[in-house]
C-alpha atoms as a PDB file:
ATOM      1  CA  UNK A   1     -89.425 -62.199 -13.673  1.00  0.00           C
ATOM      2  CA  UNK A   2     -92.005 -63.591 -11.257  1.00  0.00           C
ATOM      3  CA  UNK A   3     -95.455 -62.019 -11.120  1.00  0.00           C
ATOM      4  CA  UNK A   4     -98.644 -63.248  -9.404  1.00  0.00           C
ATOM      5  CA  UNK A   5    -100.765 -61.389 -11.985  1.00  0.00           C
ATOM      6  CA  UNK A   6     -99.576 -63.832 -14.666  1.00  0.00           C
ATOM      7  CA  UNK A   7    -101.462 -66.612 -12.889  1.00  0.00           C
ATOM      8  CA  UNK A   8    -104.921 -66.913 -14.461  1.00  0.00           C
ATOM      9  CA  UNK A   9    -106.375 -67.333 -10.958  1.00  0.00           C
ATOM     10  CA  UNK A  10    -105.529 -63.692 -10.290  1.00  0.00           C
ATOM     11  CA  UNK A  11    -108.354 -62.685 -12.662  1.00  0.00           C
ATOM     12  CA  UNK A  12    -110.867 -64.569 -10.514  1.00  0.00           C
ATOM     13  CA  UNK A  13    -109.574 -62.906  -7.353  1.00  0.00           C
ATOM     14  CA  UNK A  14    -109.834 -59.506  -9.026  1.00  0.00           C
ATOM     15  CA  UNK A  15    -113.417 -60.113 -10.152  1.00  0.00           C
ATOM     16  CA  UNK A  16    -114.326 -61.274  -6.642  1.00  0.00           C
ATOM     17  CA  UNK A  17    -112.946 -58.028  -5.249  1.00  0.00           C
ATOM     18  CA  UNK A  18    -114.437 -55.698  -7.881  1.00  0.00           C
ATOM     19  CA  UNK A  19    -117.751 -57.464  -8.643  1.00  0.00           C
ATOM     20  CA  UNK A  20    -118.405 -59.843  -5.734  1.00  0.00           C
ATOM     21  CA  UNK A  21    -122.160 -60.188  -6.310  1.00  0.00           C
ATOM     22  CA  UNK A  22    -121.930 -60.835 -10.058  1.00  0.00           C
ATOM     23  CA  UNK A  23    -122.837 -64.412 -10.953  1.00  0.00           C
ATOM     24  CA  UNK A  24    -119.841 -66.401 -12.184  1.00  0.00           C
ATOM     25  CA  UNK A  25    -121.633 -69.688 -12.946  1.00  0.00           C
ATOM     26  CA  UNK A  26    -125.230 -70.699 -13.650  1.00  0.00           C
ATOM     27  CA  UNK A  27    -125.681 -74.478 -13.370  1.00  0.00           C
ATOM     28  CA  UNK A  28    -128.994 -76.267 -14.139  1.00  0.00           C
ATOM     29  CA  UNK A  29    -130.291 -77.799 -10.923  1.00  0.00           C
ATOM     30  CA  UNK A  30    -132.537 -80.489 -12.432  1.00  0.00           C
ATOM     31  CA  UNK A  31    -131.964 -80.194 -16.144  1.00  0.00           C
ATOM     32  CA  UNK A  32    -133.252 -77.594 -18.570  1.00  0.00           C
ATOM     33  CA  UNK A  33    -136.844 -77.275 -19.743  1.00  0.00           C
ATOM     34  CA  UNK A  34    -137.016 -76.556 -23.496  1.00  0.00           C
ATOM     35  CA  UNK A  35    -139.911 -74.178 -22.935  1.00  0.00           C
ATOM     36  CA  UNK A  36    -139.556 -71.335 -20.443  1.00  0.00           C
ATOM     37  CA  UNK A  37    -137.089 -70.745 -17.628  1.00  0.00           C
ATOM     38  CA  UNK A  38    -135.409 -73.523 -15.620  1.00  0.00           C
ATOM     39  CA  UNK A  39    -134.070 -73.494 -12.079  1.00  0.00           C
ATOM     40  CA  UNK A  40    -130.300 -72.973 -11.894  1.00  0.00           C
ATOM     41  CA  UNK A  41    -127.746 -72.830  -9.093  1.00  0.00           C
ATOM     42  CA  UNK A  42    -126.065 -69.415  -9.158  1.00  0.00           C
ATOM     43  CA  UNK A  43    -122.494 -69.039  -7.873  1.00  0.00           C
ATOM     44  CA  UNK A  44    -121.155 -65.500  -7.513  1.00  0.00           C
ATOM     45  CA  UNK A  45    -117.559 -64.501  -8.145  1.00  0.00           C
ATOM     46  CA  UNK A  46    -117.073 -63.957  -4.425  1.00  0.00           C
ATOM     47  CA  UNK A  47    -118.434 -67.428  -3.658  1.00  0.00           C
ATOM     48  CA  UNK A  48    -116.382 -69.105  -6.394  1.00  0.00           C
ATOM     49  CA  UNK A  49    -113.187 -67.385  -5.305  1.00  0.00           C
ATOM     50  CA  UNK A  50    -113.748 -68.258  -1.630  1.00  0.00           C
ATOM     51  CA  UNK A  51    -114.469 -71.883  -2.556  1.00  0.00           C
ATOM     52  CA  UNK A  52    -111.321 -72.045  -4.691  1.00  0.00           C
ATOM     53  CA  UNK A  53    -109.324 -70.586  -1.778  1.00  0.00           C
ATOM     54  CA  UNK A  54    -110.630 -73.246   0.625  1.00  0.00           C
ATOM     55  CA  UNK A  55    -109.927 -76.044  -1.831  1.00  0.00           C
ATOM     56  CA  UNK A  56    -106.448 -74.641  -2.522  1.00  0.00           C
ATOM     57  CA  UNK A  57    -105.557 -74.887   1.174  1.00  0.00           C
ATOM     58  CA  UNK A  58    -106.860 -78.464   1.158  1.00  0.00           C
ATOM     59  CA  UNK A  59    -104.911 -79.374  -1.964  1.00  0.00           C
ATOM     60  CA  UNK A  60    -101.629 -78.258  -0.428  1.00  0.00           C
ATOM     61  CA  UNK A  61    -102.407 -80.220   2.725  1.00  0.00           C
ATOM     62  CA  UNK A  62    -103.034 -83.273   0.512  1.00  0.00           C
ATOM     63  CA  UNK A  63     -99.644 -82.859  -1.140  1.00  0.00           C
ATOM     64  CA  UNK A  64    -100.821 -81.204  -4.353  1.00  0.00           C
ATOM     65  CA  UNK A  65     -98.842 -78.021  -4.834  1.00  0.00           C
ATOM     66  CA  UNK A  66     -96.590 -76.124  -7.172  1.00  0.00           C
ATOM     67  CA  UNK A  67     -95.767 -78.083 -10.297  1.00  0.00           C
ATOM     68  CA  UNK A  68     -97.857 -81.150  -9.402  1.00  0.00           C
ATOM     69  CA  UNK A  69     -99.316 -82.596 -12.602  1.00  0.00           C
ATOM     70  CA  UNK A  70    -102.939 -83.264 -11.675  1.00  0.00           C
ATOM     71  CA  UNK A  71    -105.429 -85.105 -13.861  1.00  0.00           C
ATOM     72  CA  UNK A  72    -108.802 -83.403 -13.458  1.00  0.00           C
ATOM     73  CA  UNK A  73    -111.749 -85.516 -14.556  1.00  0.00           C
ATOM     74  CA  UNK A  74    -114.840 -83.622 -13.471  1.00  0.00           C
ATOM     75  CA  UNK A  75    -117.773 -82.692 -15.730  1.00  0.00           C
ATOM     76  CA  UNK A  76    -118.713 -79.025 -16.239  1.00  0.00           C
ATOM     77  CA  UNK A  77    -120.147 -77.881 -12.906  1.00  0.00           C
ATOM     78  CA  UNK A  78    -119.431 -75.434 -10.074  1.00  0.00           C
ATOM     79  CA  UNK A  79    -116.985 -78.044  -8.715  1.00  0.00           C
ATOM     80  CA  UNK A  80    -115.112 -78.050 -12.039  1.00  0.00           C
ATOM     81  CA  UNK A  81    -114.589 -74.282 -11.913  1.00  0.00           C
ATOM     82  CA  UNK A  82    -113.653 -74.234  -8.222  1.00  0.00           C
ATOM     83  CA  UNK A  83    -111.178 -77.097  -8.596  1.00  0.00           C
ATOM     84  CA  UNK A  84    -109.573 -75.694 -11.731  1.00  0.00           C
ATOM     85  CA  UNK A  85    -108.968 -72.296 -10.176  1.00  0.00           C
ATOM     86  CA  UNK A  86    -107.827 -73.894  -6.912  1.00  0.00           C
ATOM     87  CA  UNK A  87    -105.202 -75.828  -8.879  1.00  0.00           C
ATOM     88  CA  UNK A  88    -104.093 -72.599 -10.548  1.00  0.00           C
ATOM     89  CA  UNK A  89    -103.947 -70.844  -7.185  1.00  0.00           C
ATOM     90  CA  UNK A  90    -101.460 -73.411  -5.826  1.00  0.00           C
ATOM     91  CA  UNK A  91     -99.534 -73.310  -9.145  1.00  0.00           C
ATOM     92  CA  UNK A  92    -100.199 -76.987  -9.784  1.00  0.00           C
ATOM     93  CA  UNK A  93    -100.423 -78.164 -13.406  1.00  0.00           C
ATOM     94  CA  UNK A  94    -103.943 -79.431 -14.181  1.00  0.00           C
ATOM     95  CA  UNK A  95    -104.141 -82.051 -16.924  1.00  0.00           C
ATOM     96  CA  UNK A  96    -107.397 -81.467 -18.809  1.00  0.00           C
ATOM     97  CA  UNK A  97    -108.545 -84.039 -21.361  1.00  0.00           C
ATOM     98  CA  UNK A  98    -111.447 -83.706 -23.790  1.00  0.00           C
ATOM     99  CA  UNK A  99    -113.819 -86.456 -22.542  1.00  0.00           C
ATOM    100  CA  UNK A 100    -115.183 -87.028 -26.032  1.00  0.00           C
ATOM    101  CA  UNK A 101    -112.129 -88.927 -27.239  1.00  0.00           C
ATOM    102  CA  UNK A 102    -113.144 -92.259 -25.668  1.00  0.00           C
ATOM    103  CA  UNK A 103    -111.818 -94.417 -22.855  1.00  0.00           C
ATOM    104  CA  UNK A 104    -108.936 -95.939 -24.825  1.00  0.00           C
ATOM    105  CA  UNK A 105    -107.553 -92.566 -25.870  1.00  0.00           C
ATOM    106  CA  UNK A 106    -108.078 -91.214 -22.355  1.00  0.00           C
ATOM    107  CA  UNK A 107    -105.744 -93.900 -21.073  1.00  0.00           C
ATOM    108  CA  UNK A 108    -103.125 -93.033 -23.671  1.00  0.00           C
ATOM    109  CA  UNK A 109    -103.277 -89.346 -22.793  1.00  0.00           C
ATOM    110  CA  UNK A 110    -102.901 -90.063 -19.088  1.00  0.00           C
ATOM    111  CA  UNK A 111     -99.936 -92.329 -19.800  1.00  0.00           C
ATOM    112  CA  UNK A 112     -98.282 -89.526 -21.778  1.00  0.00           C
ATOM    113  CA  UNK A 113     -98.995 -86.882 -19.125  1.00  0.00           C
ATOM    114  CA  UNK A 114     -97.709 -89.012 -16.216  1.00  0.00           C
ATOM    115  CA  UNK A 115     -99.917 -87.283 -13.601  1.00  0.00           C
ATOM    116  CA  UNK A 116     -98.845 -87.312  -9.970  1.00  0.00           C
ATOM    117  CA  UNK A 117    -102.365 -86.623  -8.685  1.00  0.00           C
ATOM    118  CA  UNK A 118    -105.844 -87.586  -9.877  1.00  0.00           C
ATOM    119  CA  UNK A 119    -108.957 -85.578  -9.010  1.00  0.00           C
ATOM    120  CA  UNK A 120    -112.218 -86.946 -10.340  1.00  0.00           C
ATOM    121  CA  UNK A 121    -115.777 -88.079  -9.826  1.00  0.00           C
ATOM    122  CA  UNK A 122    -116.396 -91.670  -8.612  1.00  0.00           C
ATOM    123  CA  UNK A 123    -116.977 -92.908 -12.176  1.00  0.00           C
ATOM    124  CA  UNK A 124    -113.545 -91.622 -13.214  1.00  0.00           C
ATOM    125  CA  UNK A 125    -111.867 -93.250 -10.213  1.00  0.00           C
ATOM    126  CA  UNK A 126    -113.607 -96.542 -10.944  1.00  0.00           C
ATOM    127  CA  UNK A 127    -112.224 -96.449 -14.498  1.00  0.00           C
ATOM    128  CA  UNK A 128    -108.796 -95.461 -13.161  1.00  0.00           C
ATOM    129  CA  UNK A 129    -108.687 -98.454 -10.865  1.00  0.00           C
ATOM    130  CA  UNK A 130    -110.037-100.975 -13.383  1.00  0.00           C
ATOM    131  CA  UNK A 131    -107.919 -99.737 -16.294  1.00  0.00           C
ATOM    132  CA  UNK A 132    -104.881 -98.981 -14.087  1.00  0.00           C
ATOM    133  CA  UNK A 133    -104.525 -95.399 -15.276  1.00  0.00           C
ATOM    134  CA  UNK A 134    -101.478 -93.679 -13.843  1.00  0.00           C
ATOM    135  CA  UNK A 135    -100.498 -96.678 -11.731  1.00  0.00           C
ATOM    136  CA  UNK A 136     -96.773 -95.896 -11.974  1.00  0.00           C
ATOM    137  CA  UNK A 137     -96.948 -92.153 -11.321  1.00  0.00           C
ATOM    138  CA  UNK A 138     -99.966 -91.360  -9.115  1.00  0.00           C
ATOM    139  CA  UNK A 139     -99.298 -90.643  -5.458  1.00  0.00           C
ATOM    140  CA  UNK A 140    -102.403 -88.623  -4.491  1.00  0.00           C
ATOM    141  CA  UNK A 141    -106.070 -89.191  -5.322  1.00  0.00           C
ATOM    142  CA  UNK A 142    -109.086 -87.023  -4.521  1.00  0.00           C
ATOM    143  CA  UNK A 143    -112.706 -88.071  -4.956  1.00  0.00           C
ATOM    144  CA  UNK A 144    -115.095 -85.303  -5.939  1.00  0.00           C
ATOM    145  CA  UNK A 145    -117.842 -86.088  -3.487  1.00  0.00           C
ATOM    146  CA  UNK A 146    -118.587 -86.311   0.227  1.00  0.00           C
ATOM    147  CA  UNK A 147    -116.732 -89.584   0.724  1.00  0.00           C
ATOM    148  CA  UNK A 148    -113.205 -90.709  -0.089  1.00  0.00           C
ATOM    149  CA  UNK A 149    -114.389 -93.628  -2.270  1.00  0.00           C
ATOM    150  CA  UNK A 150    -111.113 -95.548  -1.795  1.00  0.00           C
ATOM    151  CA  UNK A 151    -109.154 -92.344  -2.490  1.00  0.00           C
ATOM    152  CA  UNK A 152    -106.683 -90.480  -0.278  1.00  0.00           C
ATOM    153  CA  UNK A 153    -109.009 -87.502   0.189  1.00  0.00           C
ATOM    154  CA  UNK A 154    -112.479 -86.256  -0.692  1.00  0.00           C
ATOM    155  CA  UNK A 155    -113.364 -82.849  -2.088  1.00  0.00           C
ATOM    156  CA  UNK A 156    -115.617 -82.308   0.936  1.00  0.00           C
ATOM    157  CA  UNK A 157    -112.618 -82.985   3.168  1.00  0.00           C
ATOM    158  CA  UNK A 158    -110.461 -80.478   1.290  1.00  0.00           C
ATOM    159  CA  UNK A 159    -113.143 -77.831   1.695  1.00  0.00           C
ATOM    160  CA  UNK A 160    -113.558 -78.556   5.403  1.00  0.00           C
ATOM    161  CA  UNK A 161    -109.816 -78.275   5.968  1.00  0.00           C
ATOM    162  CA  UNK A 162    -109.450 -74.973   4.113  1.00  0.00           C
ATOM    163  CA  UNK A 163    -112.732 -73.202   4.849  1.00  0.00           C
ATOM    164  CA  UNK A 164    -111.516 -71.350   7.947  1.00  0.00           C
ATOM    165  CA  UNK A 165    -108.067 -70.518   6.594  1.00  0.00           C
ATOM    166  CA  UNK A 166    -109.050 -67.435   4.639  1.00  0.00           C
ATOM    167  CA  UNK A 167    -107.761 -66.275   1.251  1.00  0.00           C
ATOM    168  CA  UNK A 168    -105.051 -68.323  -0.405  1.00  0.00           C
ATOM    169  CA  UNK A 169    -102.029 -66.261  -1.428  1.00  0.00           C
ATOM    170  CA  UNK A 170    -101.499 -66.724  -5.160  1.00  0.00           C
ATOM    171  CA  UNK A 171     -97.785 -67.330  -5.713  1.00  0.00           C
ATOM    172  CA  UNK A 172     -95.649 -65.392  -8.151  1.00  0.00           C
ATOM    173  CA  UNK A 173     -95.036 -67.315 -11.379  1.00  0.00           C
ATOM    174  CA  UNK A 174     -92.887 -66.782 -14.470  1.00  0.00           C
ATOM    175  CA  UNK A 175     -94.134 -66.537 -18.051  1.00  0.00           C
ATOM    176  CA  UNK A 176     -92.370 -69.800 -18.932  1.00  0.00           C
ATOM    177  CA  UNK A 177     -93.595 -71.808 -15.931  1.00  0.00           C
ATOM    178  CA  UNK A 178     -95.985 -74.681 -16.848  1.00  0.00           C
ATOM    179  CA  UNK A 179     -99.620 -73.839 -16.046  1.00  0.00           C
ATOM    180  CA  UNK A 180    -101.618 -76.713 -17.590  1.00  0.00           C
ATOM    181  CA  UNK A 181    -101.519 -79.604 -20.041  1.00  0.00           C
ATOM    182  CA  UNK A 182    -104.482 -79.741 -22.416  1.00  0.00           C
ATOM    183  CA  UNK A 183    -105.475 -82.698 -24.582  1.00  0.00           C
ATOM    184  CA  UNK A 184    -108.085 -82.128 -27.277  1.00  0.00           C
ATOM    185  CA  UNK A 185    -109.849 -84.862 -29.243  1.00  0.00           C
ATOM    186  CA  UNK A 186    -107.049 -85.491 -31.713  1.00  0.00           C
ATOM    187  CA  UNK A 187    -109.328 -85.114 -34.742  1.00  0.00           C
ATOM    188  CA  UNK A 188    -106.246 -84.548 -36.922  1.00  0.00           C
ATOM    189  CA  UNK A 189    -104.436 -87.580 -35.508  1.00  0.00           C
ATOM    190  CA  UNK A 190    -103.449 -89.076 -32.178  1.00  0.00           C
ATOM    191  CA  UNK A 191    -104.236 -86.646 -29.364  1.00  0.00           C
ATOM    192  CA  UNK A 192    -101.180 -84.856 -28.045  1.00  0.00           C
ATOM    193  CA  UNK A 193    -100.889 -82.810 -24.892  1.00  0.00           C
ATOM    194  CA  UNK A 194    -100.183 -79.134 -25.361  1.00  0.00           C
ATOM    195  CA  UNK A 195     -98.258 -77.576 -22.477  1.00  0.00           C
ATOM    196  CA  UNK A 196     -99.591 -74.149 -21.613  1.00  0.00           C
ATOM    197  CA  UNK A 197     -97.394 -71.769 -19.680  1.00  0.00           C
ATOM    198  CA  UNK A 198     -98.688 -68.953 -17.498  1.00  0.00           C
ATOM    199  CA  UNK A 199     -97.480 -66.547 -20.164  1.00  0.00           C
ATOM    200  CA  UNK A 200     -99.548 -68.297 -22.835  1.00  0.00           C
ATOM    201  CA  UNK A 201    -102.704 -68.157 -20.714  1.00  0.00           C
ATOM    202  CA  UNK A 202    -102.143 -64.477 -19.935  1.00  0.00           C
ATOM    203  CA  UNK A 203    -101.653 -63.710 -23.642  1.00  0.00           C
ATOM    204  CA  UNK A 204    -104.743 -65.699 -24.607  1.00  0.00           C
ATOM    205  CA  UNK A 205    -106.911 -63.820 -22.129  1.00  0.00           C
ATOM    206  CA  UNK A 206    -105.659 -60.530 -23.580  1.00  0.00           C
ATOM    207  CA  UNK A 207    -106.172 -61.762 -27.156  1.00  0.00           C
ATOM    208  CA  UNK A 208    -109.733 -62.945 -26.490  1.00  0.00           C
ATOM    209  CA  UNK A 209    -110.586 -59.570 -25.003  1.00  0.00           C
ATOM    210  CA  UNK A 210    -109.082 -57.739 -27.974  1.00  0.00           C
ATOM    211  CA  UNK A 211    -110.389 -59.941 -30.811  1.00  0.00           C
ATOM    212  CA  UNK A 212    -113.936 -60.460 -29.538  1.00  0.00           C
ATOM    213  CA  UNK A 213    -114.322 -57.271 -27.525  1.00  0.00           C
ATOM    214  CA  UNK A 214    -115.285 -59.262 -24.445  1.00  0.00           C
ATOM    215  CA  UNK A 215    -115.955 -57.179 -21.347  1.00  0.00           C
ATOM    216  CA  UNK A 216    -116.805 -58.137 -17.748  1.00  0.00           C
ATOM    217  CA  UNK A 217    -120.519 -58.761 -17.339  1.00  0.00           C
ATOM    218  CA  UNK A 218    -121.055 -60.658 -20.573  1.00  0.00           C
ATOM    219  CA  UNK A 219    -122.754 -64.080 -20.567  1.00  0.00           C
ATOM    220  CA  UNK A 220    -121.140 -67.193 -22.077  1.00  0.00           C
ATOM    221  CA  UNK A 221    -122.803 -70.525 -22.912  1.00  0.00           C
ATOM    222  CA  UNK A 222    -119.989 -72.995 -22.154  1.00  0.00           C
ATOM    223  CA  UNK A 223    -120.487 -75.834 -24.631  1.00  0.00           C
ATOM    224  CA  UNK A 224    -116.770 -76.722 -24.790  1.00  0.00           C
ATOM    225  CA  UNK A 225    -115.413 -77.663 -21.334  1.00  0.00           C
ATOM    226  CA  UNK A 226    -111.747 -76.859 -22.004  1.00  0.00           C
ATOM    227  CA  UNK A 227    -112.633 -73.270 -22.919  1.00  0.00           C
ATOM    228  CA  UNK A 228    -114.988 -72.838 -19.979  1.00  0.00           C
ATOM    229  CA  UNK A 229    -112.174 -71.802 -17.646  1.00  0.00           C
ATOM    230  CA  UNK A 230    -111.626 -68.636 -19.699  1.00  0.00           C
ATOM    231  CA  UNK A 231    -115.078 -67.351 -18.720  1.00  0.00           C
ATOM    232  CA  UNK A 232    -114.300 -66.294 -15.144  1.00  0.00           C
ATOM    233  CA  UNK A 233    -110.849 -65.104 -16.240  1.00  0.00           C
ATOM    234  CA  UNK A 234    -112.554 -62.766 -18.709  1.00  0.00           C
ATOM    235  CA  UNK A 235    -115.135 -61.629 -16.169  1.00  0.00           C
ATOM    236  CA  UNK A 236    -117.964 -63.404 -17.968  1.00  0.00           C
ATOM    237  CA  UNK A 237    -120.861 -65.247 -16.385  1.00  0.00           C
ATOM    238  CA  UNK A 238    -120.730 -68.882 -17.493  1.00  0.00           C
ATOM    239  CA  UNK A 239    -123.967 -70.723 -18.238  1.00  0.00           C
ATOM    240  CA  UNK A 240    -123.386 -74.489 -18.172  1.00  0.00           C
ATOM    241  CA  UNK A 241    -125.571 -76.183 -20.795  1.00  0.00           C
ATOM    242  CA  UNK A 242    -127.692 -79.266 -20.181  1.00  0.00           C
ATOM    243  CA  UNK A 243    -125.714 -81.531 -22.535  1.00  0.00           C
ATOM    244  CA  UNK A 244    -123.312 -84.456 -22.562  1.00  0.00           C
ATOM    245  CA  UNK A 245    -119.893 -82.910 -23.336  1.00  0.00           C
ATOM    246  CA  UNK A 246    -118.715 -86.261 -24.746  1.00  0.00           C
ATOM    247  CA  UNK A 247    -121.485 -86.156 -27.375  1.00  0.00           C
ATOM    248  CA  UNK A 248    -121.547 -82.550 -28.672  1.00  0.00           C
ATOM    249  CA  UNK A 249    -123.532 -83.436 -31.809  1.00  0.00           C
ATOM    250  CA  UNK A 250    -126.371 -84.654 -29.587  1.00  0.00           C
ATOM    251  CA  UNK A 251    -126.933 -81.296 -27.901  1.00  0.00           C
ATOM    252  CA  UNK A 252    -130.641 -80.483 -27.676  1.00  0.00           C
ATOM    253  CA  UNK A 253    -130.894 -77.105 -29.461  1.00  0.00           C
ATOM    254  CA  UNK A 254    -134.230 -76.371 -27.774  1.00  0.00           C
ATOM    255  CA  UNK A 255    -132.575 -76.519 -24.345  1.00  0.00           C
ATOM    256  CA  UNK A 256    -129.589 -74.450 -25.489  1.00  0.00           C
ATOM    257  CA  UNK A 257    -131.853 -71.773 -26.944  1.00  0.00           C
ATOM    258  CA  UNK A 258    -133.949 -71.779 -23.752  1.00  0.00           C
ATOM    259  CA  UNK A 259    -130.808 -70.983 -21.718  1.00  0.00           C
ATOM    260  CA  UNK A 260    -129.680 -68.365 -24.227  1.00  0.00           C
ATOM    261  CA  UNK A 261    -133.020 -66.613 -23.835  1.00  0.00           C
ATOM    262  CA  UNK A 262    -133.258 -67.066 -20.066  1.00  0.00           C
ATOM    263  CA  UNK A 263    -129.851 -65.518 -19.317  1.00  0.00           C
ATOM    264  CA  UNK A 264    -129.343 -63.249 -22.318  1.00  0.00           C
ATOM    265  CA  UNK A 265    -126.269 -65.123 -23.539  1.00  0.00           C
ATOM    266  CA  UNK A 266    -123.886 -62.974 -25.593  1.00  0.00           C
ATOM    267  CA  UNK A 267    -121.081 -65.463 -26.386  1.00  0.00           C
ATOM    268  CA  UNK A 268    -120.640 -69.142 -27.136  1.00  0.00           C
ATOM    269  CA  UNK A 269    -117.515 -71.194 -27.754  1.00  0.00           C
ATOM    270  CA  UNK A 270    -118.238 -74.638 -29.166  1.00  0.00           C
ATOM    271  CA  UNK A 271    -117.202 -77.418 -31.522  1.00  0.00           C
ATOM    272  CA  UNK A 272    -118.369 -77.403 -35.159  1.00  0.00           C
ATOM    273  CA  UNK A 273    -120.741 -80.245 -34.237  1.00  0.00           C
ATOM    274  CA  UNK A 274    -122.522 -77.975 -31.750  1.00  0.00           C
ATOM    275  CA  UNK A 275    -122.640 -74.999 -34.132  1.00  0.00           C
ATOM    276  CA  UNK A 276    -123.967 -77.215 -36.926  1.00  0.00           C
ATOM    277  CA  UNK A 277    -126.631 -78.714 -34.686  1.00  0.00           C
ATOM    278  CA  UNK A 278    -127.876 -75.312 -33.592  1.00  0.00           C
ATOM    279  CA  UNK A 279    -127.755 -73.974 -37.150  1.00  0.00           C
ATOM    280  CA  UNK A 280    -129.708 -76.941 -38.514  1.00  0.00           C
ATOM    281  CA  UNK A 281    -132.356 -76.494 -35.839  1.00  0.00           C
ATOM    282  CA  UNK A 282    -132.701 -72.792 -36.610  1.00  0.00           C
ATOM    283  CA  UNK A 283    -133.130 -73.366 -40.338  1.00  0.00           C
ATOM    284  CA  UNK A 284    -135.235 -76.542 -40.373  1.00  0.00           C
ATOM    285  CA  UNK A 285    -138.206 -77.843 -38.365  1.00  0.00           C
ATOM    286  CA  UNK A 286    -136.635 -81.338 -38.177  1.00  0.00           C
ATOM    287  CA  UNK A 287    -132.844 -81.073 -38.383  1.00  0.00           C
ATOM    288  CA  UNK A 288    -130.623 -84.127 -38.504  1.00  0.00           C
ATOM    289  CA  UNK A 289    -127.915 -84.568 -35.900  1.00  0.00           C
ATOM    290  CA  UNK A 290    -124.524 -84.586 -37.570  1.00  0.00           C
ATOM    291  CA  UNK A 291    -121.250 -85.746 -36.128  1.00  0.00           C
ATOM    292  CA  UNK A 292    -118.251 -83.922 -37.492  1.00  0.00           C
ATOM    293  CA  UNK A 293    -115.011 -82.757 -35.973  1.00  0.00           C
ATOM    294  CA  UNK A 294    -114.393 -81.264 -32.571  1.00  0.00           C
ATOM    295  CA  UNK A 295    -112.125 -78.302 -33.243  1.00  0.00           C
ATOM    296  CA  UNK A 296    -113.370 -75.201 -31.494  1.00  0.00           C
ATOM    297  CA  UNK A 297    -115.434 -72.491 -33.121  1.00  0.00           C
ATOM    298  CA  UNK A 298    -116.757 -69.372 -31.492  1.00  0.00           C
ATOM    299  CA  UNK A 299    -119.155 -66.571 -32.037  1.00  0.00           C
ATOM    300  CA  UNK A 300    -121.207 -63.723 -30.669  1.00  0.00           C
ATOM    301  CA  UNK A 301    -124.811 -64.697 -29.952  1.00  0.00           C
END
């Protein structure tokens, strides 16, 4: 049975309709100040949904549509959220890889996923070209920036194409239809891609609501990029931390706590390295940065 409500992008569209002025993403404009409030870019649910709609129209025009496996290499940012939900809206299959696994493992994951499209920042495209990632399978490339940067399209171009075309109609999908391929760090061995179906995503959203009692309007500190996409789907405001997602154990706890206080954060999903770092800081005046694994932990703040 096909149903548009199974597509995780439908949650974003619903939030945009019901709570258009609620902030979906807070992004630090020039970094976070450990003491006091810092300036952030605020993107509402209405703005995020409209941006995702425009990008979705552009993606289809670029040849990225239903079932297209698309490597997405963009750091946590408003662009990351807009692109991810745009890919869901067109029923493409985003390939999301934990950036902390290193360049060599990134190449292996991309070889396994066999992406047909590659959407990334200039640094990612430079690595793709030098290391020949996806050479045999890629047919469409998009640079996340104003210029094409030797790619087929630019994100700015996708937005320009789709901006005047209005809402993008989210297609009906089945529970068993592929929705995304996720690669985590492979801390228990070689990283393997897990294929998520639309049914799995829908069930996970329901489970997260039930287990953690998450309700629209809550605030999430997104320290683990692959979980960040659940924030808008759950109706939460996502606060993007000032940290390097490839080095979670090096998070500055003073900056994280400053954002928690500034926005009244109620939830945080993060790796054990992040939780340990914050815990050490809270219990000692001079904590040591530990490494540790990267499996996800979560908690109520």
